[in-house]
Amino acid sequence: MVLDETDKEMLEKEIRLFIEVIPHEIRVHMYRDIQGLLQIKEVGDFVLGLGIGYIICPFLSKYVSKHGRKPTDEEFKDIQIIIINHVNAIREAILKT
């Protein structure tokens, strides 16, 4: 991996923060009006996709602020691997809700 340890920790913190708000996100997106408006067929899948965005966006913003540049292709591959390694934990949190 080329992503440095502090960046890995920053990314894993974003993952933990999202896992903590999963119950709220599930409650919000369970309302039929919202499901219809957003055309949500499966709330769990929707929240998983939403979570990936919730994780990536603040991480990239902090990364650019810290380094003054976007991640390289190799760094972005590391970011993807770290997120993929946490998908099961995110899914489990969704299923528990």
Protein backbone atom coordinates (compact mmCIF):
# COMPACT_ATOMS: atom_id res chain seq x y z
CA MET A 1 0.00 0.00 0.00
CA VAL A 2 1.17 3.49 -0.82
CA LEU A 3 -1.40 5.35 1.30
CA ASP A 4 0.31 6.55 4.46
CA GLU A 5 -0.79 5.42 7.92
CA THR A 6 -2.40 8.73 8.94
CA ASP A 7 -4.47 8.76 5.74
CA LYS A 8 -5.55 5.16 6.37
CA GLU A 9 -6.61 6.12 9.90
CA MET A 10 -8.49 9.15 8.55
CA LEU A 11 -10.35 6.95 6.06
CA GLU A 12 -11.16 4.32 8.68
CA LYS A 13 -12.50 7.07 10.94
CA GLU A 14 -14.91 8.14 8.18
CA ILE A 15 -16.01 4.52 7.85
CA ARG A 16 -16.64 4.25 11.61
CA LEU A 17 -18.57 7.53 11.60
CA PHE A 18 -20.85 6.29 8.86
CA ILE A 19 -21.46 2.96 10.60
CA GLU A 20 -22.59 4.94 13.66
CA VAL A 21 -25.25 6.85 11.68
CA ILE A 22 -26.62 3.85 9.78
CA PRO A 23 -29.66 3.46 12.09
CA HIS A 24 -30.61 7.09 11.42
CA GLU A 25 -30.16 6.70 7.65
CA ILE A 26 -32.31 3.57 7.62
CA ARG A 27 -35.09 5.32 9.56
CA VAL A 28 -35.03 8.33 7.24
CA HIS A 29 -35.15 6.26 4.07
CA MET A 30 -37.85 3.86 5.29
CA TYR A 31 -40.58 6.46 4.74
CA ARG A 32 -42.62 5.56 1.67
CA ASP A 33 -42.69 9.18 0.48
CA ILE A 34 -38.89 9.34 0.42
CA GLN A 35 -38.62 5.89 -1.16
CA GLY A 36 -40.99 6.97 -3.92
CA LEU A 37 -39.29 10.30 -4.49
CA LEU A 38 -35.83 8.72 -4.70
CA GLN A 39 -37.14 5.55 -6.39
CA ILE A 40 -35.59 3.34 -3.73
CA LYS A 41 -36.30 -0.34 -4.26
CA GLU A 42 -34.06 -1.78 -1.53
CA VAL A 43 -33.29 0.49 1.42
CA GLY A 44 -30.25 -1.51 2.52
CA ASP A 45 -28.61 -1.30 -0.89
CA PHE A 46 -29.44 2.39 -1.11
CA VAL A 47 -27.90 3.08 2.31
CA LEU A 48 -24.78 1.10 1.37
CA GLY A 49 -24.31 3.25 -1.75
CA LEU A 50 -25.09 6.38 0.21
CA GLY A 51 -22.51 5.32 2.77
CA ILE A 52 -19.78 4.92 0.19
CA GLY A 53 -20.44 8.52 -0.83
CA TYR A 54 -20.53 9.65 2.81
CA ILE A 55 -17.16 8.01 3.36
CA ILE A 56 -15.38 9.08 0.16
CA CYS A 57 -16.46 12.73 -0.03
CA PRO A 58 -15.25 13.96 3.37
CA PHE A 59 -12.14 11.80 3.15
CA LEU A 60 -11.16 13.24 -0.23
CA SER A 61 -11.85 16.76 0.99
CA LYS A 62 -9.57 16.23 4.00
CA TYR A 63 -6.98 14.49 1.84
CA VAL A 64 -6.79 17.40 -0.61
CA SER A 65 -6.59 19.89 2.27
CA LYS A 66 -3.75 17.91 3.85
CA HIS A 67 -1.72 17.12 0.72
CA GLY A 68 -2.70 19.94 -1.65
CA ARG A 69 -3.52 17.42 -4.38
CA LYS A 70 -5.88 14.63 -5.31
CA PRO A 71 -4.83 11.04 -4.55
CA THR A 72 -2.71 9.33 -7.19
CA ASP A 73 -4.14 6.30 -8.99
CA GLU A 74 -2.19 4.01 -6.67
CA GLU A 75 -3.44 5.85 -3.58
CA PHE A 76 -6.99 5.70 -4.88
CA LYS A 77 -6.64 1.93 -5.34
CA ASP A 78 -5.62 1.72 -1.66
CA ILE A 79 -8.66 3.82 -0.71
CA GLN A 80 -10.91 1.44 -2.65
CA ILE A 81 -9.31 -1.63 -1.04
CA ILE A 82 -9.79 -0.22 2.46
CA ILE A 83 -13.45 0.58 1.79
CA ILE A 84 -14.07 -2.83 0.21
CA ASN A 85 -12.51 -4.47 3.27
CA HIS A 86 -15.13 -2.73 5.44
CA VAL A 87 -18.19 -3.39 3.27
CA ASN A 88 -19.17 -6.47 5.28
CA ALA A 89 -19.13 -4.46 8.53
CA ILE A 90 -21.29 -1.79 6.88
CA ARG A 91 -23.72 -4.42 5.57
CA GLU A 92 -23.90 -6.06 9.01
CA ALA A 93 -24.73 -2.70 10.60
CA ILE A 94 -27.45 -2.18 7.99
CA LEU A 95 -28.93 -5.63 8.64
CA LYS A 96 -28.94 -5.08 12.42
CA THR A 97 -31.10 -1.98 12.02
